[in-house]
Structures are given as C-alpha cells and as structure tokens.
Amino acid sequence: RAAWQVAPGDDWAAALAALVAKIAVDGGGSLIVVPDQRDVDKLERALR
C-alpha cells in the first residue's frame, strides 16, 4: 500500500496504465477510481 506523490510533469495515467496492464496479462484484476469523466477519458486513452 503506497501514498504515491506524482512528480511534476509526470504522466500518472500512463504509469498506472502500464502497471494494471501487466497485472491483467498475468491474470490479475485492477480497479482505478478517479474524480471525474475527464480523468476517466485520459486514463482510457493511456490504456488503449
């Protein structure tokens, strides 16, 4: 369990997308909750 302080300018969506994609490929499940639809769209673009 971690409190992740995102560095300035870092693409948090891309970093999370890479991690959860790796978990999924290995057979695990992931769940990401964001505040609004803009963040959902950003995260979805990174995952795609």
All heavy atoms as atom14 arrays in JSON, in Angstrom:
{
  "sequence": "RAAWQVAPGDDWAAALAALVAKIAVDGGGSLIVVPDQRDVDKLERALR",
  "atom14_mask": [
    [1, 1, 1, 1, 1, 1, 1, 1, 1, 1, 1, 0, 0, 0],
    [1, 1, 1, 1, 1, 0, 0, 0, 0, 0, 0, 0, 0, 0],
    [1, 1, 1, 1, 1, 0, 0, 0, 0, 0, 0, 0, 0, 0],
    [1, 1, 1, 1, 1, 1, 1, 1, 1, 1, 1, 1, 1, 1],
    [1, 1, 1, 1, 1, 1, 1, 1, 1, 0, 0, 0, 0, 0],
    [1, 1, 1, 1, 1, 1, 1, 0, 0, 0, 0, 0, 0, 0],
    [1, 1, 1, 1, 1, 0, 0, 0, 0, 0, 0, 0, 0, 0],
    [1, 1, 1, 1, 1, 1, 1, 0, 0, 0, 0, 0, 0, 0],
    [1, 1, 1, 1, 0, 0, 0, 0, 0, 0, 0, 0, 0, 0],
    [1, 1, 1, 1, 1, 1, 1, 1, 0, 0, 0, 0, 0, 0],
    [1, 1, 1, 1, 1, 1, 1, 1, 0, 0, 0, 0, 0, 0],
    [1, 1, 1, 1, 1, 1, 1, 1, 1, 1, 1, 1, 1, 1],
    [1, 1, 1, 1, 1, 0, 0, 0, 0, 0, 0, 0, 0, 0],
    [1, 1, 1, 1, 1, 0, 0, 0, 0, 0, 0, 0, 0, 0],
    [1, 1, 1, 1, 1, 0, 0, 0, 0, 0, 0, 0, 0, 0],
    [1, 1, 1, 1, 1, 1, 1, 1, 0, 0, 0, 0, 0, 0],
    [1, 1, 1, 1, 1, 0, 0, 0, 0, 0, 0, 0, 0, 0],
    [1, 1, 1, 1, 1, 0, 0, 0, 0, 0, 0, 0, 0, 0],
    [1, 1, 1, 1, 1, 1, 1, 1, 0, 0, 0, 0, 0, 0],
    [1, 1, 1, 1, 1, 1, 1, 0, 0, 0, 0, 0, 0, 0],
    [1, 1, 1, 1, 1, 0, 0, 0, 0, 0, 0, 0, 0, 0],
    [1, 1, 1, 1, 1, 1, 1, 1, 1, 0, 0, 0, 0, 0],
    [1, 1, 1, 1, 1, 1, 1, 1, 0, 0, 0, 0, 0, 0],
    [1, 1, 1, 1, 1, 0, 0, 0, 0, 0, 0, 0, 0, 0],
    [1, 1, 1, 1, 1, 1, 1, 0, 0, 0, 0, 0, 0, 0],
    [1, 1, 1, 1, 1, 1, 1, 1, 0, 0, 0, 0, 0, 0],
    [1, 1, 1, 1, 0, 0, 0, 0, 0, 0, 0, 0, 0, 0],
    [1, 1, 1, 1, 0, 0, 0, 0, 0, 0, 0, 0, 0, 0],
    [1, 1, 1, 1, 0, 0, 0, 0, 0, 0, 0, 0, 0, 0],
    [1, 1, 1, 1, 1, 1, 0, 0, 0, 0, 0, 0, 0, 0],
    [1, 1, 1, 1, 1, 1, 1, 1, 0, 0, 0, 0, 0, 0],
    [1, 1, 1, 1, 1, 1, 1, 1, 0, 0, 0, 0, 0, 0],
    [1, 1, 1, 1, 1, 1, 1, 0, 0, 0, 0, 0, 0, 0],
    [1, 1, 1, 1, 1, 1, 1, 0, 0, 0, 0, 0, 0, 0],
    [1, 1, 1, 1, 1, 1, 1, 0, 0, 0, 0, 0, 0, 0],
    [1, 1, 1, 1, 1, 1, 1, 1, 0, 0, 0, 0, 0, 0],
    [1, 1, 1, 1, 1, 1, 1, 1, 1, 0, 0, 0, 0, 0],
    [1, 1, 1, 1, 1, 1, 1, 1, 1, 1, 1, 0, 0, 0],
    [1, 1, 1, 1, 1, 1, 1, 1, 0, 0, 0, 0, 0, 0],
    [1, 1, 1, 1, 1, 1, 1, 0, 0, 0, 0, 0, 0, 0],
    [1, 1, 1, 1, 1, 1, 1, 1, 0, 0, 0, 0, 0, 0],
    [1, 1, 1, 1, 1, 1, 1, 1, 1, 0, 0, 0, 0, 0],
    [1, 1, 1, 1, 1, 1, 1, 1, 0, 0, 0, 0, 0, 0],
    [1, 1, 1, 1, 1, 1, 1, 1, 1, 0, 0, 0, 0, 0],
    [1, 1, 1, 1, 1, 1, 1, 1, 1, 1, 1, 0, 0, 0],
    [1, 1, 1, 1, 1, 0, 0, 0, 0, 0, 0, 0, 0, 0],
    [1, 1, 1, 1, 1, 1, 1, 1, 0, 0, 0, 0, 0, 0],
    [1, 1, 1, 1, 1, 1, 1, 1, 1, 1, 1, 0, 0, 0]
  ],
  "atom14_positions": [
    [[0.86, -1.19, 0.0], [0.0, 0.0, 0.0], [0.89, 1.23, 0.0], [1.78, 1.35, 0.83], [-0.93, 0.01, 1.21], [-1.79, -1.25, 1.34], [-2.74, -1.13, 2.51], [-3.55, -2.32, 2.69], [-3.36, -3.23, 3.65], [-2.37, -3.06, 4.52], [-4.13, -4.29, 3.74], [0.0, 0.0, 0.0], [0.0, 0.0, 0.0], [0.0, 0.0, 0.0]],
    [[0.61, 2.16, -0.92], [1.5, 3.3, -1.09], [0.73, 4.58, -1.29], [-0.31, 4.61, -1.95], [2.45, 3.07, -2.27], [0.0, 0.0, 0.0], [0.0, 0.0, 0.0], [0.0, 0.0, 0.0], [0.0, 0.0, 0.0], [0.0, 0.0, 0.0], [0.0, 0.0, 0.0], [0.0, 0.0, 0.0], [0.0, 0.0, 0.0], [0.0, 0.0, 0.0]],
    [[1.26, 5.67, -0.7], [0.81, 7.03, -0.99], [1.75, 7.57, -2.06], [2.91, 7.91, -1.77], [0.85, 7.89, 0.26], [0.0, 0.0, 0.0], [0.0, 0.0, 0.0], [0.0, 0.0, 0.0], [0.0, 0.0, 0.0], [0.0, 0.0, 0.0], [0.0, 0.0, 0.0], [0.0, 0.0, 0.0], [0.0, 0.0, 0.0], [0.0, 0.0, 0.0]],
    [[1.28, 7.61, -3.29], [2.12, 7.95, -4.45], [2.04, 9.45, -4.72], [0.99, 9.95, -5.13], [1.66, 7.14, -5.67], [2.43, 7.42, -6.92], [3.73, 7.8, -7.03], [1.92, 7.36, -8.26], [4.08, 7.95, -8.36], [2.98, 7.69, -9.13], [0.68, 7.03, -8.82], [2.84, 7.73, -10.52], [0.54, 7.05, -10.19], [1.6, 7.4, -11.02]],
    [[3.17, 10.14, -4.51], [3.24, 11.56, -4.84], [3.74, 11.7, -6.28], [4.92, 11.47, -6.56], [4.19, 12.28, -3.88], [3.73, 12.26, -2.43], [2.31, 12.7, -2.28], [1.51, 11.97, -1.7], [1.96, 13.86, -2.78], [0.0, 0.0, 0.0], [0.0, 0.0, 0.0], [0.0, 0.0, 0.0], [0.0, 0.0, 0.0], [0.0, 0.0, 0.0]],
    [[2.83, 12.02, -7.17], [3.16, 12.1, -8.58], [4.1, 13.29, -8.83], [3.82, 14.41, -8.4], [1.89, 12.23, -9.44], [2.24, 12.25, -10.92], [0.93, 11.09, -9.13], [0.0, 0.0, 0.0], [0.0, 0.0, 0.0], [0.0, 0.0, 0.0], [0.0, 0.0, 0.0], [0.0, 0.0, 0.0], [0.0, 0.0, 0.0], [0.0, 0.0, 0.0]],
    [[5.22, 13.03, -9.49], [6.19, 14.09, -9.76], [5.61, 15.1, -10.74], [4.78, 14.75, -11.59], [7.47, 13.47, -10.35], [0.0, 0.0, 0.0], [0.0, 0.0, 0.0], [0.0, 0.0, 0.0], [0.0, 0.0, 0.0], [0.0, 0.0, 0.0], [0.0, 0.0, 0.0], [0.0, 0.0, 0.0], [0.0, 0.0, 0.0], [0.0, 0.0, 0.0]],
    [[6.01, 16.37, -10.65], [5.5, 17.36, -11.59], [5.84, 16.98, -13.02], [6.94, 16.54, -13.33], [6.22, 18.66, -11.16], [7.34, 18.23, -10.27], [6.94, 16.94, -9.67], [0.0, 0.0, 0.0], [0.0, 0.0, 0.0], [0.0, 0.0, 0.0], [0.0, 0.0, 0.0], [0.0, 0.0, 0.0], [0.0, 0.0, 0.0], [0.0, 0.0, 0.0]],
    [[4.84, 17.12, -13.88], [5.03, 16.79, -15.29], [4.91, 15.32, -15.61], [4.91, 14.94, -16.79], [0.0, 0.0, 0.0], [0.0, 0.0, 0.0], [0.0, 0.0, 0.0], [0.0, 0.0, 0.0], [0.0, 0.0, 0.0], [0.0, 0.0, 0.0], [0.0, 0.0, 0.0], [0.0, 0.0, 0.0], [0.0, 0.0, 0.0], [0.0, 0.0, 0.0]],
    [[4.81, 14.46, -14.6], [4.73, 13.02, -14.85], [3.33, 12.66, -15.37], [2.33, 13.22, -14.92], [5.01, 12.24, -13.57], [5.46, 10.82, -13.86], [5.42, 10.41, -15.03], [5.85, 10.12, -12.91], [0.0, 0.0, 0.0], [0.0, 0.0, 0.0], [0.0, 0.0, 0.0], [0.0, 0.0, 0.0], [0.0, 0.0, 0.0], [0.0, 0.0, 0.0]],
    [[3.27, 11.71, -16.29], [2.0, 11.24, -16.83], [1.5, 10.1, -15.96], [1.82, 8.93, -16.18], [2.21, 10.77, -18.28], [0.88, 10.49, -18.99], [-0.14, 10.36, -18.3], [0.88, 10.39, -20.23], [0.0, 0.0, 0.0], [0.0, 0.0, 0.0], [0.0, 0.0, 0.0], [0.0, 0.0, 0.0], [0.0, 0.0, 0.0], [0.0, 0.0, 0.0]],
    [[0.72, 10.45, -14.95], [0.25, 9.43, -14.0], [-0.62, 8.38, -14.68], [-0.59, 7.2, -14.31], [-0.53, 10.09, -12.86], [-1.75, 10.86, -13.29], [-1.83, 12.2, -13.55], [-3.07, 10.35, -13.53], [-3.09, 12.55, -13.94], [-3.88, 11.44, -13.92], [-3.64, 9.09, -13.45], [-5.24, 11.29, -14.24], [-4.99, 8.94, -13.77], [-5.77, 10.02, -14.16]],
    [[-1.39, 8.81, -15.68], [-2.28, 7.87, -16.37], [-1.47, 6.8, -17.1], [-1.8, 5.61, -17.07], [-3.19, 8.62, -17.33], [0.0, 0.0, 0.0], [0.0, 0.0, 0.0], [0.0, 0.0, 0.0], [0.0, 0.0, 0.0], [0.0, 0.0, 0.0], [0.0, 0.0, 0.0], [0.0, 0.0, 0.0], [0.0, 0.0, 0.0], [0.0, 0.0, 0.0]],
    [[-0.38, 7.19, -17.77], [0.45, 6.23, -18.5], [1.13, 5.26, -17.54], [1.24, 4.06, -17.83], [1.48, 6.98, -19.34], [0.0, 0.0, 0.0], [0.0, 0.0, 0.0], [0.0, 0.0, 0.0], [0.0, 0.0, 0.0], [0.0, 0.0, 0.0], [0.0, 0.0, 0.0], [0.0, 0.0, 0.0], [0.0, 0.0, 0.0], [0.0, 0.0, 0.0]],
    [[1.59, 5.77, -16.4], [2.26, 4.91, -15.42], [1.29, 3.87, -14.86], [1.62, 2.68, -14.73], [2.86, 5.75, -14.3], [0.0, 0.0, 0.0], [0.0, 0.0, 0.0], [0.0, 0.0, 0.0], [0.0, 0.0, 0.0], [0.0, 0.0, 0.0], [0.0, 0.0, 0.0], [0.0, 0.0, 0.0], [0.0, 0.0, 0.0], [0.0, 0.0, 0.0]],
    [[0.08, 4.31, -14.5], [-0.91, 3.37, -13.98], [-1.37, 2.4, -15.05], [-1.58, 1.21, -14.78], [-2.12, 4.14, -13.43], [-1.9, 4.91, -12.13], [-3.17, 5.68, -11.75], [-1.52, 3.96, -10.99], [0.0, 0.0, 0.0], [0.0, 0.0, 0.0], [0.0, 0.0, 0.0], [0.0, 0.0, 0.0], [0.0, 0.0, 0.0], [0.0, 0.0, 0.0]],
    [[-1.53, 2.88, -16.28], [-1.96, 2.0, -17.37], [-0.96, 0.87, -17.58], [-1.35, -0.3, -17.77], [-2.12, 2.82, -18.66], [0.0, 0.0, 0.0], [0.0, 0.0, 0.0], [0.0, 0.0, 0.0], [0.0, 0.0, 0.0], [0.0, 0.0, 0.0], [0.0, 0.0, 0.0], [0.0, 0.0, 0.0], [0.0, 0.0, 0.0], [0.0, 0.0, 0.0]],
    [[0.32, 1.17, -17.54], [1.34, 0.14, -17.73], [1.28, -0.89, -16.61], [1.38, -2.11, -16.85], [2.72, 0.78, -17.79], [0.0, 0.0, 0.0], [0.0, 0.0, 0.0], [0.0, 0.0, 0.0], [0.0, 0.0, 0.0], [0.0, 0.0, 0.0], [0.0, 0.0, 0.0], [0.0, 0.0, 0.0], [0.0, 0.0, 0.0], [0.0, 0.0, 0.0]],
    [[1.1, -0.43, -15.37], [1.08, -1.35, -14.23], [-0.14, -2.26, -14.26], [-0.02, -3.49, -14.1], [1.13, -0.55, -12.93], [1.14, -1.36, -11.63], [2.29, -2.37, -11.61], [1.23, -0.43, -10.42], [0.0, 0.0, 0.0], [0.0, 0.0, 0.0], [0.0, 0.0, 0.0], [0.0, 0.0, 0.0], [0.0, 0.0, 0.0], [0.0, 0.0, 0.0]],
    [[-1.32, -1.7, -14.48], [-2.53, -2.54, -14.45], [-2.59, -3.45, -15.67], [-3.14, -4.57, -15.59], [-3.81, -1.69, -14.33], [-3.78, -0.84, -13.07], [-4.03, -0.81, -15.56], [0.0, 0.0, 0.0], [0.0, 0.0, 0.0], [0.0, 0.0, 0.0], [0.0, 0.0, 0.0], [0.0, 0.0, 0.0], [0.0, 0.0, 0.0], [0.0, 0.0, 0.0]],
    [[-2.03, -3.02, -16.8], [-1.99, -3.89, -17.97], [-1.12, -5.11, -17.69], [-1.45, -6.24, -18.08], [-1.47, -3.12, -19.18], [0.0, 0.0, 0.0], [0.0, 0.0, 0.0], [0.0, 0.0, 0.0], [0.0, 0.0, 0.0], [0.0, 0.0, 0.0], [0.0, 0.0, 0.0], [0.0, 0.0, 0.0], [0.0, 0.0, 0.0], [0.0, 0.0, 0.0]],
    [[0.01, -4.9, -17.02], [0.9, -6.02, -16.67], [0.19, -6.98, -15.71], [0.3, -8.21, -15.84], [2.18, -5.47, -16.04], [3.18, -6.54, -15.64], [3.67, -7.35, -16.82], [4.78, -8.32, -16.42], [5.17, -9.22, -17.53], [0.0, 0.0, 0.0], [0.0, 0.0, 0.0], [0.0, 0.0, 0.0], [0.0, 0.0, 0.0], [0.0, 0.0, 0.0]],
    [[-0.54, -6.44, -14.74], [-1.29, -7.29, -13.81], [-2.32, -8.11, -14.57], [-2.52, -9.3, -14.3], [-1.95, -6.42, -12.72], [-0.88, -5.8, -11.82], [-2.93, -7.23, -11.89], [-1.43, -4.78, -10.83], [0.0, 0.0, 0.0], [0.0, 0.0, 0.0], [0.0, 0.0, 0.0], [0.0, 0.0, 0.0], [0.0, 0.0, 0.0], [0.0, 0.0, 0.0]],
    [[-3.01, -7.47, -15.53], [-4.05, -8.17, -16.29], [-3.45, -9.29, -17.14], [-4.01, -10.39, -17.22], [-4.81, -7.18, -17.17], [0.0, 0.0, 0.0], [0.0, 0.0, 0.0], [0.0, 0.0, 0.0], [0.0, 0.0, 0.0], [0.0, 0.0, 0.0], [0.0, 0.0, 0.0], [0.0, 0.0, 0.0], [0.0, 0.0, 0.0], [0.0, 0.0, 0.0]],
    [[-2.32, -9.01, -17.76], [-1.66, -10.04, -18.57], [-1.28, -11.24, -17.71], [-1.34, -12.39, -18.15], [-0.43, -9.44, -19.28], [0.42, -10.54, -19.91], [-0.85, -8.43, -20.32], [0.0, 0.0, 0.0], [0.0, 0.0, 0.0], [0.0, 0.0, 0.0], [0.0, 0.0, 0.0], [0.0, 0.0, 0.0], [0.0, 0.0, 0.0], [0.0, 0.0, 0.0]],
    [[-0.93, -10.98, -16.45], [-0.56, -12.05, -15.53], [-1.77, -12.74, -14.91], [-1.6, -13.64, -14.08], [0.33, -11.49, -14.42], [1.7, -11.04, -14.95], [2.04, -11.43, -16.07], [2.39, -10.3, -14.24], [0.0, 0.0, 0.0], [0.0, 0.0, 0.0], [0.0, 0.0, 0.0], [0.0, 0.0, 0.0], [0.0, 0.0, 0.0], [0.0, 0.0, 0.0]],
    [[-2.99, -12.3, -15.25], [-4.2, -12.95, -14.77], [-4.88, -12.28, -13.6], [-5.89, -12.81, -13.1], [0.0, 0.0, 0.0], [0.0, 0.0, 0.0], [0.0, 0.0, 0.0], [0.0, 0.0, 0.0], [0.0, 0.0, 0.0], [0.0, 0.0, 0.0], [0.0, 0.0, 0.0], [0.0, 0.0, 0.0], [0.0, 0.0, 0.0], [0.0, 0.0, 0.0]],
    [[-4.39, -11.12, -13.14], [-5.0, -10.43, -12.01], [-5.94, -9.33, -12.43], [-6.0, -8.93, -13.59], [0.0, 0.0, 0.0], [0.0, 0.0, 0.0], [0.0, 0.0, 0.0], [0.0, 0.0, 0.0], [0.0, 0.0, 0.0], [0.0, 0.0, 0.0], [0.0, 0.0, 0.0], [0.0, 0.0, 0.0], [0.0, 0.0, 0.0], [0.0, 0.0, 0.0]],
    [[-6.7, -8.82, -11.46], [-7.65, -7.74, -11.71], [-7.19, -6.45, -11.07], [-6.5, -6.45, -10.05], [0.0, 0.0, 0.0], [0.0, 0.0, 0.0], [0.0, 0.0, 0.0], [0.0, 0.0, 0.0], [0.0, 0.0, 0.0], [0.0, 0.0, 0.0], [0.0, 0.0, 0.0], [0.0, 0.0, 0.0], [0.0, 0.0, 0.0], [0.0, 0.0, 0.0]],
    [[-7.57, -5.32, -11.69], [-7.22, -3.99, -11.17], [-8.44, -3.08, -11.25], [-9.29, -3.24, -12.13], [-6.07, -3.37, -11.97], [-4.91, -4.16, -11.88], [0.0, 0.0, 0.0], [0.0, 0.0, 0.0], [0.0, 0.0, 0.0], [0.0, 0.0, 0.0], [0.0, 0.0, 0.0], [0.0, 0.0, 0.0], [0.0, 0.0, 0.0], [0.0, 0.0, 0.0]],
    [[-8.48, -2.1, -10.36], [-9.58, -1.15, -10.27], [-9.01, 0.23, -10.01], [-8.26, 0.42, -9.04], [-10.54, -1.56, -9.14], [-11.66, -0.61, -8.76], [-12.6, -0.37, -9.93], [-12.43, -1.16, -7.57], [0.0, 0.0, 0.0], [0.0, 0.0, 0.0], [0.0, 0.0, 0.0], [0.0, 0.0, 0.0], [0.0, 0.0, 0.0], [0.0, 0.0, 0.0]],
    [[-9.32, 1.19, -10.87], [-8.84, 2.56, -10.71], [-10.03, 3.51, -10.64], [-10.88, 3.52, -11.53], [-7.93, 2.98, -11.87], [-6.77, 1.99, -12.04], [-7.38, 4.38, -11.64], [-5.85, 2.33, -13.2], [0.0, 0.0, 0.0], [0.0, 0.0, 0.0], [0.0, 0.0, 0.0], [0.0, 0.0, 0.0], [0.0, 0.0, 0.0], [0.0, 0.0, 0.0]],
    [[-10.09, 4.31, -9.58], [-11.17, 5.28, -9.37], [-10.6, 6.68, -9.45], [-9.62, 7.0, -8.77], [-11.86, 5.05, -8.01], [-12.96, 6.08, -7.78], [-12.43, 3.64, -7.92], [0.0, 0.0, 0.0], [0.0, 0.0, 0.0], [0.0, 0.0, 0.0], [0.0, 0.0, 0.0], [0.0, 0.0, 0.0], [0.0, 0.0, 0.0], [0.0, 0.0, 0.0]],
    [[-11.22, 7.52, -10.29], [-10.77, 8.9, -10.49], [-11.93, 9.85, -10.23], [-13.1, 9.43, -10.21], [-10.22, 9.09, -11.92], [-8.95, 8.28, -12.13], [-11.26, 8.72, -12.96], [0.0, 0.0, 0.0], [0.0, 0.0, 0.0], [0.0, 0.0, 0.0], [0.0, 0.0, 0.0], [0.0, 0.0, 0.0], [0.0, 0.0, 0.0], [0.0, 0.0, 0.0]],
    [[-11.66, 11.15, -10.04], [-12.73, 12.07, -9.63], [-13.78, 12.37, -10.69], [-14.95, 12.57, -10.35], [-11.97, 13.34, -9.23], [-10.58, 12.91, -8.97], [-10.33, 11.77, -9.89], [0.0, 0.0, 0.0], [0.0, 0.0, 0.0], [0.0, 0.0, 0.0], [0.0, 0.0, 0.0], [0.0, 0.0, 0.0], [0.0, 0.0, 0.0], [0.0, 0.0, 0.0]],
    [[-13.4, 12.46, -11.97], [-14.37, 12.94, -12.95], [-14.15, 12.3, -14.31], [-13.19, 11.55, -14.52], [-14.31, 14.47, -13.06], [-12.91, 14.99, -13.33], [-12.21, 14.42, -14.19], [-12.5, 15.98, -12.7], [0.0, 0.0, 0.0], [0.0, 0.0, 0.0], [0.0, 0.0, 0.0], [0.0, 0.0, 0.0], [0.0, 0.0, 0.0], [0.0, 0.0, 0.0]],
    [[-15.05, 12.62, -15.23], [-15.02, 12.0, -16.55], [-13.77, 12.39, -17.34], [-13.27, 11.6, -18.16], [-16.28, 12.38, -17.33], [-16.49, 11.61, -18.62], [-16.66, 10.12, -18.39], [-17.32, 9.71, -17.44], [-16.06, 9.3, -19.26], [0.0, 0.0, 0.0], [0.0, 0.0, 0.0], [0.0, 0.0, 0.0], [0.0, 0.0, 0.0], [0.0, 0.0, 0.0]],
    [[-13.26, 13.59, -17.12], [-12.03, 13.99, -17.82], [-10.89, 13.05, -17.48], [-10.1, 12.65, -18.36], [-11.63, 15.42, -17.43], [-12.56, 16.51, -17.93], [-12.06, 17.85, -17.47], [-10.92, 18.3, -18.25], [-10.03, 19.19, -17.83], [-10.13, 19.71, -16.63], [-9.03, 19.56, -18.6], [0.0, 0.0, 0.0], [0.0, 0.0, 0.0], [0.0, 0.0, 0.0]],
    [[-10.77, 12.67, -16.22], [-9.71, 11.74, -15.82], [-9.98, 10.34, -16.34], [-9.04, 9.61, -16.67], [-9.59, 11.73, -14.29], [-9.01, 13.01, -13.73], [-8.2, 13.65, -14.43], [-9.38, 13.39, -12.61], [0.0, 0.0, 0.0], [0.0, 0.0, 0.0], [0.0, 0.0, 0.0], [0.0, 0.0, 0.0], [0.0, 0.0, 0.0], [0.0, 0.0, 0.0]],
    [[-11.26, 9.95, -16.4], [-11.6, 8.64, -16.98], [-11.14, 8.59, -18.43], [-10.52, 7.61, -18.88], [-13.11, 8.37, -16.87], [-13.49, 7.12, -17.67], [-13.53, 8.2, -15.42], [0.0, 0.0, 0.0], [0.0, 0.0, 0.0], [0.0, 0.0, 0.0], [0.0, 0.0, 0.0], [0.0, 0.0, 0.0], [0.0, 0.0, 0.0], [0.0, 0.0, 0.0]],
    [[-11.44, 9.65, -19.19], [-11.07, 9.69, -20.59], [-9.55, 9.65, -20.77], [-9.03, 8.96, -21.66], [-11.64, 10.95, -21.26], [-13.16, 10.95, -21.28], [-13.76, 9.87, -21.16], [-13.75, 12.05, -21.39], [0.0, 0.0, 0.0], [0.0, 0.0, 0.0], [0.0, 0.0, 0.0], [0.0, 0.0, 0.0], [0.0, 0.0, 0.0], [0.0, 0.0, 0.0]],
    [[-8.84, 10.38, -19.93], [-7.37, 10.4, -20.01], [-6.8, 9.02, -19.73], [-5.9, 8.54, -20.44], [-6.81, 11.42, -19.01], [-5.3, 11.51, -19.01], [-4.81, 12.57, -18.04], [-3.28, 12.66, -18.07], [-2.76, 13.68, -17.13], [0.0, 0.0, 0.0], [0.0, 0.0, 0.0], [0.0, 0.0, 0.0], [0.0, 0.0, 0.0], [0.0, 0.0, 0.0]],
    [[-7.33, 8.36, -18.71], [-6.85, 7.04, -18.35], [-7.19, 6.01, -19.43], [-6.37, 5.14, -19.76], [-7.46, 6.64, -17.01], [-6.93, 5.4, -16.3], [-5.42, 5.5, -16.11], [-7.63, 5.23, -14.96], [0.0, 0.0, 0.0], [0.0, 0.0, 0.0], [0.0, 0.0, 0.0], [0.0, 0.0, 0.0], [0.0, 0.0, 0.0], [0.0, 0.0, 0.0]],
    [[-8.38, 6.13, -20.0], [-8.77, 5.2, -21.05], [-7.87, 5.34, -22.28], [-7.48, 4.34, -22.9], [-10.24, 5.42, -21.44], [-10.77, 4.39, -22.43], [-12.23, 4.6, -22.76], [-12.79, 5.66, -22.39], [-12.8, 3.72, -23.42], [0.0, 0.0, 0.0], [0.0, 0.0, 0.0], [0.0, 0.0, 0.0], [0.0, 0.0, 0.0], [0.0, 0.0, 0.0]],
    [[-7.54, 6.58, -22.64], [-6.64, 6.8, -23.77], [-5.27, 6.15, -23.52], [-4.68, 5.54, -24.41], [-6.48, 8.29, -24.05], [-7.69, 8.95, -24.69], [-7.35, 10.33, -25.22], [-6.93, 11.24, -24.17], [-7.75, 12.03, -23.5], [-9.06, 12.01, -23.76], [-7.3, 12.84, -22.56], [0.0, 0.0, 0.0], [0.0, 0.0, 0.0], [0.0, 0.0, 0.0]],
    [[-4.79, 6.3, -22.29], [-3.48, 5.71, -21.95], [-3.54, 4.19, -22.01], [-2.6, 3.53, -22.49], [-3.05, 6.17, -20.56], [0.0, 0.0, 0.0], [0.0, 0.0, 0.0], [0.0, 0.0, 0.0], [0.0, 0.0, 0.0], [0.0, 0.0, 0.0], [0.0, 0.0, 0.0], [0.0, 0.0, 0.0], [0.0, 0.0, 0.0], [0.0, 0.0, 0.0]],
    [[-4.62, 3.6, -21.56], [-4.75, 2.14, -21.58], [-4.86, 1.6, -23.0], [-4.34, 0.53, -23.32], [-5.97, 1.72, -20.76], [-5.77, 1.69, -19.24], [-7.11, 1.67, -18.51], [-4.93, 0.48, -18.85], [0.0, 0.0, 0.0], [0.0, 0.0, 0.0], [0.0, 0.0, 0.0], [0.0, 0.0, 0.0], [0.0, 0.0, 0.0], [0.0, 0.0, 0.0]],
    [[-5.52, 2.34, -23.87], [-5.69, 1.87, -25.24], [-4.4, 1.9, -26.04], [-4.33, 1.37, -27.14], [-6.77, 2.7, -25.95], [-8.17, 2.4, -25.42], [-9.24, 3.06, -26.26], [-10.58, 2.7, -25.79], [-11.7, 3.06, -26.41], [-11.63, 3.78, -27.53], [-12.88, 2.7, -25.94], [0.0, 0.0, 0.0], [0.0, 0.0, 0.0], [0.0, 0.0, 0.0]]
  ]
}
